[in-house]
């Protein structure tokens, strides 16, 4: 069975399915007092918001749950449900209809907004369970390790995975950028999403899940089960520590991606070389007004202090009409993914970027930390030059750009003349190169990071960086794949940034291959006719090279 591999690793265990949410009954007797029923709905949504905040203990999951709690507290949900109650519709069904209508609007908007529909449905399921006084949907507790299967997983469900016996995730829906993918990577859990065939697997089926290849094998052989066991042990017992190096001591800087203060605290305790992507949106989300200068200075200082002498690369605010913030006052767009996003918002709201750069410069002066600043969604050399000039005017010395659109990749030699480094965001670069919406379940196969077009663009950016002596990193999810990481290094990438749990496996893999072998893997991947062939060729070559190296060591 095939889906999208969104978090690498092998897991082998019985499959256990999530309990489906309760279905409301449109024929149920409506409440006698409409005002009382509206108050019941208001209280149920308030209770759901409180429950979500109660399990939001920081980190990536915490930020997502806080956002969901804010959605549950939106008065528009109560008002819409009240309209249905006024027409004589049963209470629980009124709320279900109201939320379903909002979900349809979000899905019609597409992009980031469409992904929020799953969050809103989870709020519906939880509030309806409270109204109907039935058990709330949640993670099963069978008392043994298992692969969790579901139609899709909510943020609240995924946030509780670290506490149980879940060793892998399998969903029928979802895509490479959904919450299941994000949280699985942050927890280091192998995961396959967007696998509709999973619906045919009965509870208790022994499955082998490959989160790198995106495959699920029911009833695996004894040999495959042993491979999964060895992979699980390797994840728990890293073979290498310290800075990233190939077998011939070529340096590859291995960094962590963070998106909250809690993420920073956890990543700072991990064995990495700093932060390759500090997403600053957490400071701006769920607010009516932008954070003040002092609020930002304190938050950035806290992160910089946590990493001491390790470098932190900060991405300026990446928001827009697909991630709407009320204080940006951006117009509604029919195609927000191609609209006012990232650095483009600075043209509409220059004060937001200016305040953020001031805060970053002040935080760096106060802490004396190593810090790099980069802009998202840069499309032209002119934009790169303008951002670099503005950032440097505040005293920020190391300034870079994200390479996320094909124009930036194709003109990398021009962009890099104005900045000190580039970081390739493979998620967005895939989306724009293949003209495939990141949130589309149907088009997920086009977003495979092994696609020739994407690897060719990465190689071109690296050549431009080498010619100008500018380092080029990758901070997209491709960096976390231990099989793909050597290919990226072979293409010329000098740093890889990923979820903190993924660093050890990538470091171990690189330590077993020389730079020349990484280049051979890259050439083979570029020559392969399909992404699947590229992946299979790289796996076969890597296994052969590692076996030969082990044989040589034994001979010595």
Protein backbone atom coordinates (compact mmCIF):
# COMPACT_ATOMS: atom_id res chain seq x y z
CA UNK A 1 0.00 0.00 0.00
CA UNK A 2 1.32 3.44 -0.91
CA UNK A 3 0.78 6.91 0.54
CA UNK A 4 2.98 9.89 1.31
CA UNK A 5 5.96 9.21 3.54
CA UNK A 6 6.08 12.30 5.75
CA UNK A 7 8.29 11.19 8.65
CA UNK A 8 11.08 8.69 7.97
CA UNK A 9 11.68 5.46 9.83
CA UNK A 10 10.40 1.89 9.98
CA UNK A 11 7.74 0.69 12.40
CA UNK A 12 6.31 -2.82 12.72
CA UNK A 13 3.35 -3.48 15.01
CA UNK A 14 -0.34 -4.41 15.01
CA UNK A 15 -2.66 -1.79 13.55
CA UNK A 16 -5.19 -0.18 15.90
CA UNK A 17 -7.85 2.14 14.51
CA UNK A 18 -9.08 5.41 15.98
CA UNK A 19 -12.64 5.44 17.30
CA UNK A 20 -14.81 7.30 14.75
CA UNK A 21 -16.53 10.52 15.89
CA UNK A 22 -20.19 10.48 16.90
CA UNK A 23 -22.72 11.35 14.18
CA UNK A 24 -25.51 13.83 15.01
CA UNK A 25 -29.15 12.95 14.43
CA UNK A 26 -31.21 15.52 12.47
CA UNK A 27 -34.42 13.82 13.67
CA UNK A 28 -33.63 14.22 17.36
CA UNK A 29 -36.19 16.16 19.39
CA UNK A 30 -35.07 19.83 19.58
CA UNK A 31 -34.70 21.51 22.96
CA UNK A 32 -37.72 23.31 24.38
CA UNK A 33 -35.87 26.55 25.18
CA UNK A 34 -33.78 27.87 22.22
CA UNK A 35 -31.91 30.33 24.43
CA UNK A 36 -30.85 27.53 26.78
CA UNK A 37 -29.70 25.38 23.85
CA UNK A 38 -27.59 28.23 22.48
CA UNK A 39 -26.00 28.59 25.91
CA UNK A 40 -25.26 24.85 25.94
CA UNK A 41 -23.42 25.21 22.64
CA UNK A 42 -21.49 28.22 23.92
CA UNK A 43 -20.47 26.28 27.03
CA UNK A 44 -19.47 23.19 25.03
CA UNK A 45 -17.19 25.25 22.79
CA UNK A 46 -15.73 27.01 25.84
CA UNK A 47 -15.02 23.62 27.44
CA UNK A 48 -13.37 22.35 24.24
CA UNK A 49 -11.14 25.43 24.10
CA UNK A 50 -10.14 24.87 27.73
CA UNK A 51 -9.38 21.19 27.07
CA UNK A 52 -7.20 22.04 24.09
CA UNK A 53 -5.26 24.62 26.09
CA UNK A 54 -4.85 22.14 28.94
CA UNK A 55 -2.92 19.73 26.71
CA UNK A 56 -1.00 22.49 24.89
CA UNK A 57 2.27 22.12 26.77
CA UNK A 58 4.43 24.11 24.37
CA UNK A 59 6.42 23.07 21.32
CA UNK A 60 5.03 22.56 17.85
CA UNK A 61 1.95 20.73 19.16
CA UNK A 62 1.30 23.43 21.73
CA UNK A 63 1.25 26.21 19.14
CA UNK A 64 -1.17 24.24 16.97
CA UNK A 65 -3.47 23.50 19.90
CA UNK A 66 -3.48 27.13 21.02
CA UNK A 67 -4.57 28.11 17.53
CA UNK A 68 -7.33 25.47 17.63
CA UNK A 69 -8.48 26.73 21.03
CA UNK A 70 -8.75 30.23 19.59
CA UNK A 71 -10.92 28.87 16.77
CA UNK A 72 -13.20 27.14 19.29
CA UNK A 73 -13.70 30.48 21.02
CA UNK A 74 -14.82 32.30 17.88
CA UNK A 75 -18.32 33.74 18.56
CA UNK A 76 -19.22 33.20 14.90
CA UNK A 77 -19.61 29.48 15.60
CA UNK A 78 -22.24 30.12 18.27
CA UNK A 79 -24.08 32.68 16.12
CA UNK A 80 -24.25 30.31 13.14
CA UNK A 81 -25.48 27.43 15.31
CA UNK A 82 -28.09 29.72 16.90
CA UNK A 83 -29.57 30.38 13.46
CA UNK A 84 -30.15 26.65 12.99
CA UNK A 85 -31.63 26.29 16.49
CA UNK A 86 -34.03 29.12 15.64
CA UNK A 87 -35.32 27.00 12.76
CA UNK A 88 -36.09 24.08 15.07
CA UNK A 89 -32.96 22.02 14.37
CA UNK A 90 -31.69 19.78 17.22
CA UNK A 91 -28.86 21.30 19.27
CA UNK A 92 -25.95 19.00 18.42
CA UNK A 93 -26.96 18.85 14.77
CA UNK A 94 -27.19 22.66 14.67
CA UNK A 95 -23.59 22.97 15.76
CA UNK A 96 -22.53 20.27 13.29
CA UNK A 97 -24.26 22.06 10.39
CA UNK A 98 -22.79 25.42 11.38
CA UNK A 99 -19.23 24.14 11.59
CA UNK A 100 -19.57 22.11 8.40
CA UNK A 101 -20.52 25.32 6.58
CA UNK A 102 -17.42 27.09 7.88
CA UNK A 103 -15.30 24.08 6.86
CA UNK A 104 -16.65 24.32 3.33
CA UNK A 105 -15.64 28.00 3.20
CA UNK A 106 -12.13 27.18 4.38
CA UNK A 107 -11.74 24.40 1.83
CA UNK A 108 -12.95 26.68 -0.93
CA UNK A 109 -10.29 29.23 0.05
CA UNK A 110 -7.61 26.55 -0.46
CA UNK A 111 -4.00 26.56 0.71
CA UNK A 112 -3.27 27.04 4.41
CA UNK A 113 -6.93 27.86 5.09
CA UNK A 114 -8.09 24.51 3.69
CA UNK A 115 -5.84 22.69 6.17
CA UNK A 116 -7.61 24.46 9.04
CA UNK A 117 -10.87 22.71 8.11
CA UNK A 118 -9.59 19.51 9.75
CA UNK A 119 -8.92 21.47 12.96
CA UNK A 120 -12.44 22.89 12.91
CA UNK A 121 -13.97 19.43 12.39
CA UNK A 122 -12.10 18.20 15.46
CA UNK A 123 -13.61 21.06 17.45
CA UNK A 124 -17.03 20.01 16.13
CA UNK A 125 -16.50 16.37 17.12
CA UNK A 126 -15.42 17.29 20.63
CA UNK A 127 -18.19 19.81 21.24
CA UNK A 128 -20.84 17.45 19.84
CA UNK A 129 -19.59 14.67 22.15
CA UNK A 130 -20.04 17.02 25.12
CA UNK A 131 -23.54 18.02 23.98
CA UNK A 132 -24.59 14.40 23.48
CA UNK A 133 -22.82 13.23 26.66
CA UNK A 134 -20.85 10.49 24.91
CA UNK A 135 -17.11 9.66 25.16
CA UNK A 136 -14.83 12.04 23.33
CA UNK A 137 -12.76 10.78 20.38
CA UNK A 138 -9.20 10.03 21.37
CA UNK A 139 -6.11 7.82 21.07
CA UNK A 140 -6.75 4.10 21.83
CA UNK A 141 -4.87 2.54 24.76
CA UNK A 142 -4.53 -1.19 23.93
CA UNK A 143 -1.61 -1.68 26.33
CA UNK A 144 1.00 -2.64 23.71
CA UNK A 145 2.97 -0.90 20.91
CA UNK A 146 0.82 -0.28 17.83
CA UNK A 147 0.54 1.58 14.53
CA UNK A 148 -2.30 4.08 14.83
CA UNK A 149 -4.64 4.17 11.82
CA UNK A 150 -7.26 6.84 11.20
CA UNK A 151 -9.12 8.65 8.47
CA UNK A 152 -7.22 11.73 9.63
CA UNK A 153 -5.81 12.93 12.94
CA UNK A 154 -6.64 16.16 14.73
CA UNK A 155 -4.04 18.39 16.40
CA UNK A 156 -5.38 17.38 19.82
CA UNK A 157 -5.03 13.69 18.97
CA UNK A 158 -1.52 14.04 17.60
CA UNK A 159 -0.43 16.11 20.59
CA UNK A 160 -1.07 13.13 22.88
CA UNK A 161 0.99 10.64 20.87
CA UNK A 162 4.15 11.11 22.91
CA UNK A 163 2.42 9.70 26.00
CA UNK A 164 1.25 6.36 24.58
CA UNK A 165 2.45 3.22 22.81
CA UNK A 166 2.11 4.54 19.25
CA UNK A 167 5.14 3.55 17.15
CA UNK A 168 3.85 4.72 13.75
CA UNK A 169 1.04 6.69 12.11
CA UNK A 170 -1.12 5.76 9.12
CA UNK A 171 -3.91 7.97 7.79
CA UNK A 172 -6.26 7.65 4.85
CA UNK A 173 -6.28 11.40 4.25
CA UNK A 174 -3.75 14.17 4.75
CA UNK A 175 -0.80 15.52 2.85
CA UNK A 176 2.88 16.35 3.32
CA UNK A 177 2.21 19.67 5.09
CA UNK A 178 -0.70 18.75 7.39
CA UNK A 179 -0.58 18.62 11.18
CA UNK A 180 -0.06 14.86 11.26
CA UNK A 181 3.07 15.24 9.15
CA UNK A 182 4.40 18.19 11.14
CA UNK A 183 3.85 16.62 14.54
CA UNK A 184 5.04 13.16 13.50
CA UNK A 185 8.35 14.69 12.46
CA UNK A 186 8.64 16.70 15.66
CA UNK A 187 8.09 13.47 17.67
CA UNK A 188 10.31 11.32 15.46
CA UNK A 189 7.43 8.91 14.69
CA UNK A 190 7.43 7.14 11.30
CA UNK A 191 4.31 8.22 9.41
CA UNK A 192 2.49 7.61 6.14
CA UNK A 193 -0.47 9.83 5.22
CA UNK A 194 -2.83 10.00 2.27
CA UNK A 195 -3.17 6.19 1.99
CA UNK A 196 -6.86 5.46 1.26
CA UNK A 197 -6.22 1.69 1.13
CA UNK A 198 -5.63 1.81 4.88
CA UNK A 199 -9.41 1.80 5.29
CA UNK A 200 -9.41 -1.86 4.20
CA UNK A 201 -7.07 -3.02 6.96
CA UNK A 202 -8.84 -4.65 9.94
CA UNK A 203 -7.80 -3.94 13.51
CA UNK A 204 -4.96 -6.14 14.68
CA UNK A 205 -3.30 -6.56 11.28
CA UNK A 206 0.47 -6.68 11.62
CA UNK A 207 1.89 -3.96 9.36
CA UNK A 208 5.34 -2.68 8.48
CA UNK A 209 5.20 1.05 7.90
CA UNK A 210 8.04 2.83 6.06
CA UNK A 211 7.75 6.56 6.70
CA UNK A 212 10.53 7.36 4.27
CA UNK A 213 9.26 5.42 1.26
CA UNK A 214 5.58 6.03 2.06
CA UNK A 215 4.67 2.33 1.99
CA UNK A 216 2.69 0.00 4.23
CA UNK A 217 3.17 -3.78 4.14
CA UNK A 218 0.48 -5.95 5.76
CA UNK A 219 1.77 -9.27 7.15
CA UNK A 220 5.50 -8.52 6.59
CA UNK A 221 8.06 -11.32 6.39
CA UNK A 222 10.35 -12.21 9.28
CA UNK A 223 13.26 -10.53 7.47
CA UNK A 224 11.33 -7.26 7.11
CA UNK A 225 10.26 -7.40 10.75
CA UNK A 226 13.91 -7.74 11.75
CA UNK A 227 14.82 -4.72 9.61
CA UNK A 228 12.18 -2.67 11.42
CA UNK A 229 13.51 -3.77 14.80
CA UNK A 230 17.07 -2.84 13.87
CA UNK A 231 15.89 0.54 12.55
CA UNK A 232 14.01 1.25 15.78
CA UNK A 233 17.09 0.37 17.85
CA UNK A 234 19.27 2.59 15.67
CA UNK A 235 16.90 5.53 16.25
CA UNK A 236 17.24 5.07 20.00
CA UNK A 237 21.03 4.52 19.93
CA UNK A 238 22.77 7.03 17.64
CA UNK A 239 26.18 5.90 16.40
CA UNK A 240 27.69 9.39 16.07
CA UNK A 241 27.69 12.65 17.98
CA UNK A 242 28.82 16.23 17.48
CA UNK A 243 29.14 18.17 14.23
CA UNK A 244 27.95 16.61 10.99
CA UNK A 245 30.73 15.04 8.91
CA UNK A 246 31.01 12.68 5.98
CA UNK A 247 33.30 9.65 6.29
CA UNK A 248 36.17 11.72 4.84
CA UNK A 249 35.51 14.59 7.29
CA UNK A 250 33.71 16.96 4.93
CA UNK A 251 31.67 19.25 7.19
CA UNK A 252 27.87 19.32 6.82
CA UNK A 253 26.24 21.56 9.41
CA UNK A 254 23.24 19.82 11.01
CA UNK A 255 20.63 22.14 12.47
CA UNK A 256 17.14 22.09 13.97
CA UNK A 257 13.93 23.80 12.87
CA UNK A 258 11.96 25.54 15.63
CA UNK A 259 8.67 27.41 15.74
CA UNK A 260 8.01 28.24 19.41
CA UNK A 261 9.91 29.08 22.59
CA UNK A 262 9.24 25.54 23.83
CA UNK A 263 10.68 24.13 20.59
CA UNK A 264 13.77 26.25 21.20
CA UNK A 265 14.18 24.97 24.75
CA UNK A 266 13.99 21.33 23.62
CA UNK A 267 16.20 21.80 20.56
CA UNK A 268 18.80 23.66 22.62
CA UNK A 269 19.26 20.51 24.72
CA UNK A 270 19.68 18.31 21.64
CA UNK A 271 22.88 17.33 19.84
CA UNK A 272 22.81 19.79 16.94
CA UNK A 273 24.82 22.74 15.66
CA UNK A 274 22.16 25.39 16.10
CA UNK A 275 18.98 26.47 14.34
CA UNK A 276 18.59 26.53 10.58
CA UNK A 277 15.01 27.81 10.60
CA UNK A 278 13.43 29.81 13.40
CA UNK A 279 9.82 30.42 12.35
CA UNK A 280 8.73 33.62 14.06
CA UNK A 281 5.00 33.39 13.24
CA UNK A 282 4.12 32.14 16.75
CA UNK A 283 4.56 35.69 18.03
CA UNK A 284 2.03 37.07 15.57
CA UNK A 285 -0.70 34.41 15.32
CA UNK A 286 -4.02 34.65 17.19
CA UNK A 287 -3.54 38.36 17.84
CA UNK A 288 -5.54 41.43 16.87
CA UNK A 289 -2.48 43.68 17.10
CA UNK A 290 1.16 42.93 16.24
CA UNK A 291 3.57 42.16 19.09
CA UNK A 292 5.38 45.20 20.43
CA UNK A 293 9.05 45.86 19.89
CA UNK A 294 9.88 44.89 23.47
CA UNK A 295 7.81 41.68 23.30
CA UNK A 296 9.76 40.61 20.25
CA UNK A 297 13.12 41.55 21.75
CA UNK A 298 12.42 39.41 24.82
CA UNK A 299 11.29 36.39 22.77
CA UNK A 300 14.24 36.52 20.37
CA UNK A 301 16.70 37.06 23.24
CA UNK A 302 15.32 34.00 25.00
CA UNK A 303 15.93 31.84 21.94
CA UNK A 304 19.39 33.24 21.23
CA UNK A 305 20.46 32.77 24.85
CA UNK A 306 19.28 29.14 24.84
CA UNK A 307 21.65 28.28 21.98
CA UNK A 308 24.61 30.10 23.50
CA UNK A 309 27.44 29.99 20.93
CA UNK A 310 25.50 28.03 18.31
CA UNK A 311 24.14 30.04 15.38
CA UNK A 312 20.41 30.74 15.00
CA UNK A 313 18.93 31.51 11.59
CA UNK A 314 15.76 33.57 11.88
CA UNK A 315 13.13 33.77 9.17
CA UNK A 316 11.21 37.02 9.20
CA UNK A 317 7.42 36.87 9.35
CA UNK A 318 6.02 34.49 6.74
CA UNK A 319 2.36 35.42 6.63
CA UNK A 320 -0.11 36.66 4.07
CA UNK A 321 -3.59 36.09 2.77
CA UNK A 322 -3.13 32.31 3.15
CA UNK A 323 -2.13 32.79 6.82
CA UNK A 324 -4.26 35.85 7.57
CA UNK A 325 -3.36 38.19 10.40
CA UNK A 326 -5.97 40.87 11.16
CA UNK A 327 -3.46 43.68 11.57
CA UNK A 328 -1.98 43.16 8.09
CA UNK A 329 -5.25 44.32 6.46
CA UNK A 330 -4.54 42.34 3.31
CA UNK A 331 -7.17 41.98 0.60
CA UNK A 332 -8.91 38.67 -0.01
CA UNK A 333 -7.24 36.83 -2.90
CA UNK A 334 -8.60 34.11 -5.15
CA UNK A 335 -5.21 32.37 -5.21
CA UNK A 336 -3.42 33.24 -1.96
CA UNK A 337 -0.51 30.87 -2.57
CA UNK A 338 0.48 33.13 -5.47
CA UNK A 339 -0.46 36.33 -3.72
CA UNK A 340 0.85 38.62 -1.00
CA UNK A 341 3.00 36.31 1.10
CA UNK A 342 6.27 36.46 2.99
CA UNK A 343 8.46 39.41 2.07
CA UNK A 344 5.70 40.73 -0.19
CA UNK A 345 3.71 41.78 2.88
CA UNK A 346 6.43 44.34 3.64
CA UNK A 347 5.33 46.41 0.65
CA UNK A 348 1.83 46.60 2.16
CA UNK A 349 2.83 46.85 5.83
CA UNK A 350 6.46 48.04 6.04
CA UNK A 351 6.27 48.82 9.77
CA UNK A 352 5.84 45.13 10.64
CA UNK A 353 9.15 44.15 9.02
CA UNK A 354 10.98 47.24 10.30
CA UNK A 355 9.93 46.54 13.90
CA UNK A 356 10.92 42.89 13.58
CA UNK A 357 14.37 43.74 12.23
CA UNK A 358 14.86 46.31 14.99
CA UNK A 359 13.93 43.70 17.58
CA UNK A 360 16.27 41.09 16.09
CA UNK A 361 19.18 43.53 15.97
CA UNK A 362 18.58 44.57 19.58
CA UNK A 363 18.32 40.98 20.75
CA UNK A 364 21.58 40.12 19.03
CA UNK A 365 23.37 43.08 20.64
CA UNK A 366 22.03 42.20 24.08
CA UNK A 367 22.97 38.52 23.89
CA UNK A 368 26.09 38.67 21.72
CA UNK A 369 24.78 35.58 19.96
CA UNK A 370 25.49 34.34 16.45
CA UNK A 371 22.43 35.14 14.40
CA UNK A 372 21.53 35.09 10.73
CA UNK A 373 18.37 36.64 9.29
CA UNK A 374 16.60 35.59 6.09
CA UNK A 375 13.50 36.68 4.20
CA UNK A 376 10.83 34.28 2.90
CA UNK A 377 9.21 34.27 -0.53
CA UNK A 378 11.93 36.23 -2.34
CA UNK A 379 11.41 36.12 -6.10
CA UNK A 380 13.89 38.55 -7.64
CA UNK A 381 17.39 39.92 -7.18
CA UNK A 382 15.88 43.36 -6.57
CA UNK A 383 13.87 42.03 -3.63
CA UNK A 384 16.98 40.34 -2.23
CA UNK A 385 18.97 43.56 -2.49
CA UNK A 386 16.25 45.66 -0.86
CA UNK A 387 15.87 43.25 2.05
CA UNK A 388 19.63 42.99 2.55
CA UNK A 389 20.04 46.77 2.57
CA UNK A 390 17.20 47.20 5.06
CA UNK A 391 18.45 44.45 7.41
CA UNK A 392 22.01 45.74 7.33
CA UNK A 393 20.82 49.27 8.08
CA UNK A 394 19.83 48.01 11.53
CA UNK A 395 23.23 46.41 12.10
CA UNK A 396 22.34 42.84 11.13
CA UNK A 397 25.50 41.50 9.55
CA UNK A 398 24.61 38.07 8.12
CA UNK A 399 21.63 38.34 5.80
CA UNK A 400 20.15 35.71 3.50
CA UNK A 401 17.11 34.68 1.50
CA UNK A 402 14.85 31.68 1.24
CA UNK A 403 14.83 29.98 -2.16
CA UNK A 404 11.20 28.89 -2.46
CA UNK A 405 10.11 29.86 -5.97
CA UNK A 406 11.62 28.79 -9.31
CA UNK A 407 12.57 32.35 -10.31
CA UNK A 408 14.80 32.63 -7.24
CA UNK A 409 16.40 29.26 -7.96
CA UNK A 410 16.98 30.04 -11.63
CA UNK A 411 18.43 33.48 -10.80
CA UNK A 412 20.36 32.31 -7.74
CA UNK A 413 23.61 33.69 -9.17
CA UNK A 414 22.01 37.16 -9.22
CA UNK A 415 20.27 36.93 -5.83
CA UNK A 416 23.37 35.64 -4.04
CA UNK A 417 25.40 38.65 -5.13
CA UNK A 418 23.39 40.71 -2.64
CA UNK A 419 23.23 38.37 0.37
CA UNK A 420 25.49 36.18 2.49
CA UNK A 421 23.69 32.82 2.23
CA UNK A 422 20.64 31.03 0.88
CA UNK A 423 18.34 28.44 2.44
CA UNK A 424 16.21 26.27 0.17
CA UNK A 425 12.66 25.62 1.34
CA UNK A 426 11.97 22.41 -0.54
CA UNK A 427 8.28 22.28 0.47
CA UNK A 428 7.31 25.53 -1.27
CA UNK A 429 9.86 25.09 -4.05
CA UNK A 430 8.17 21.78 -4.91
CA UNK A 431 4.75 23.40 -4.83
CA UNK A 432 5.65 26.21 -7.19
CA UNK A 433 7.85 24.16 -9.49
CA UNK A 434 5.26 21.42 -10.02
CA UNK A 435 2.24 23.80 -9.86
CA UNK A 436 0.74 21.52 -7.19
CA UNK A 437 -1.04 22.85 -4.11
CA UNK A 438 0.76 21.61 -1.00
CA UNK A 439 -2.57 20.99 0.71
CA UNK A 440 -4.09 18.89 -2.07
CA UNK A 441 -4.43 15.22 -1.18
CA UNK A 442 -4.86 14.39 -4.85
CA UNK A 443 -1.65 16.09 -6.00
CA UNK A 444 0.62 14.93 -3.20
CA UNK A 445 2.51 12.58 -5.53
CA UNK A 446 3.82 15.61 -7.44
CA UNK A 447 5.45 16.98 -4.30
CA UNK A 448 7.93 14.11 -3.99
CA UNK A 449 11.32 15.69 -3.06
CA UNK A 450 13.07 13.12 -5.29
CA UNK A 451 11.60 14.67 -8.43
CA UNK A 452 14.19 15.50 -11.08
CA UNK A 453 12.96 19.08 -11.51
CA UNK A 454 13.41 19.85 -7.81
CA UNK A 455 16.82 18.21 -7.53
CA UNK A 456 17.95 20.06 -10.67
CA UNK A 457 16.97 23.41 -9.14
CA UNK A 458 18.75 22.55 -5.89
CA UNK A 459 21.88 21.67 -7.86
CA UNK A 460 21.71 24.96 -9.75
CA UNK A 461 21.42 27.01 -6.57
CA UNK A 462 24.38 25.14 -5.08
CA UNK A 463 26.51 25.81 -8.17
CA UNK A 464 25.70 29.51 -7.91
CA UNK A 465 26.58 29.47 -4.22
CA UNK A 466 29.89 27.73 -4.85
CA UNK A 467 30.84 30.22 -7.56
CA UNK A 468 30.18 33.16 -5.22
CA UNK A 469 31.41 31.39 -2.06
CA UNK A 470 27.98 31.64 -0.46
CA UNK A 471 26.77 28.69 1.66
CA UNK A 472 23.52 27.05 0.59
CA UNK A 473 21.42 25.06 3.04
CA UNK A 474 18.15 23.15 2.95
CA UNK A 475 15.55 23.73 5.64
CA UNK A 476 12.61 21.95 4.03
CA UNK A 477 11.42 18.55 5.16
CA UNK A 478 13.65 16.87 2.56
CA UNK A 479 16.59 17.53 4.88
CA UNK A 480 15.18 15.11 7.47
CA UNK A 481 15.26 12.06 5.17
CA UNK A 482 18.42 10.02 5.93
CA UNK A 483 18.32 8.56 2.42
CA UNK A 484 17.95 11.91 0.65
CA UNK A 485 20.37 13.87 2.86
CA UNK A 486 23.54 12.43 1.21
CA UNK A 487 22.05 13.23 -2.20
CA UNK A 488 21.57 16.85 -1.16
CA UNK A 489 25.13 16.99 0.14
CA UNK A 490 26.31 15.53 -3.16
CA UNK A 491 24.46 18.32 -4.99
CA UNK A 492 26.44 20.88 -2.98
CA UNK A 493 24.27 21.63 0.06
CA UNK A 494 26.41 22.69 3.03
CA UNK A 495 23.83 22.56 5.84
CA UNK A 496 20.67 20.61 6.61
CA UNK A 497 17.99 21.80 9.03
CA UNK A 498 15.19 19.56 10.27
CA UNK A 499 13.01 18.59 13.23
CA UNK A 500 15.33 17.90 16.17
CA UNK A 501 14.59 14.13 16.45
CA UNK A 502 15.72 13.58 12.85
CA UNK A 503 19.26 14.91 13.30
CA UNK A 504 20.82 11.74 14.73
CA UNK A 505 19.77 9.47 11.86
CA UNK A 506 20.96 11.96 9.24
CA UNK A 507 24.31 12.39 11.03
CA UNK A 508 24.79 8.62 11.26
CA UNK A 509 24.07 8.19 7.54
CA UNK A 510 26.44 10.94 6.43
CA UNK A 511 29.22 9.54 8.62
CA UNK A 512 29.17 6.31 6.59
CA UNK A 513 29.67 7.93 3.18
CA UNK A 514 32.46 10.02 1.66
CA UNK A 515 31.75 13.27 -0.16
CA UNK A 516 32.60 11.60 -3.45
CA UNK A 517 30.12 8.83 -2.71
CA UNK A 518 27.46 11.45 -1.91
CA UNK A 519 28.17 13.01 -5.31
CA UNK A 520 27.78 9.62 -6.97
CA UNK A 521 24.40 9.21 -5.24
CA UNK A 522 23.37 12.67 -6.45
CA UNK A 523 24.35 11.87 -10.04
CA UNK A 524 22.41 8.60 -9.90
CA UNK A 525 19.32 10.34 -8.51
CA UNK A 526 19.47 12.96 -11.28
CA UNK A 527 19.78 10.23 -13.91
CA UNK A 528 16.83 8.19 -12.61
CA UNK A 529 13.66 8.28 -14.74
CA UNK A 530 11.21 8.64 -11.83
CA UNK A 531 11.24 9.66 -8.16
CA UNK A 532 10.61 6.04 -7.15
CA UNK A 533 13.55 4.89 -9.27
CA UNK A 534 15.75 7.63 -7.79
CA UNK A 535 14.84 6.55 -4.28
CA UNK A 536 15.39 2.85 -5.02
CA UNK A 537 18.72 3.50 -6.73
CA UNK A 538 19.96 5.63 -3.84
CA UNK A 539 18.92 2.99 -1.32
CA UNK A 540 20.64 0.20 -3.23
CA UNK A 541 23.83 2.22 -3.76
CA UNK A 542 23.91 3.36 -0.13
CA UNK A 543 23.51 -0.19 1.16
CA UNK A 544 26.28 -1.41 -1.17
CA UNK A 545 28.67 1.39 -0.19
CA UNK A 546 28.05 0.89 3.53
CA UNK A 547 28.52 -2.86 3.24
CA UNK A 548 31.81 -2.35 1.38
CA UNK A 549 33.01 0.12 4.02
CA UNK A 550 32.12 -2.31 6.82
CA UNK A 551 33.98 -5.10 5.02
CA UNK A 552 37.06 -2.88 4.69
CA UNK A 553 36.97 -2.07 8.40
CA UNK A 554 36.76 -5.74 9.29
CA UNK A 555 39.68 -6.51 6.97
CA UNK A 556 41.83 -3.92 8.71
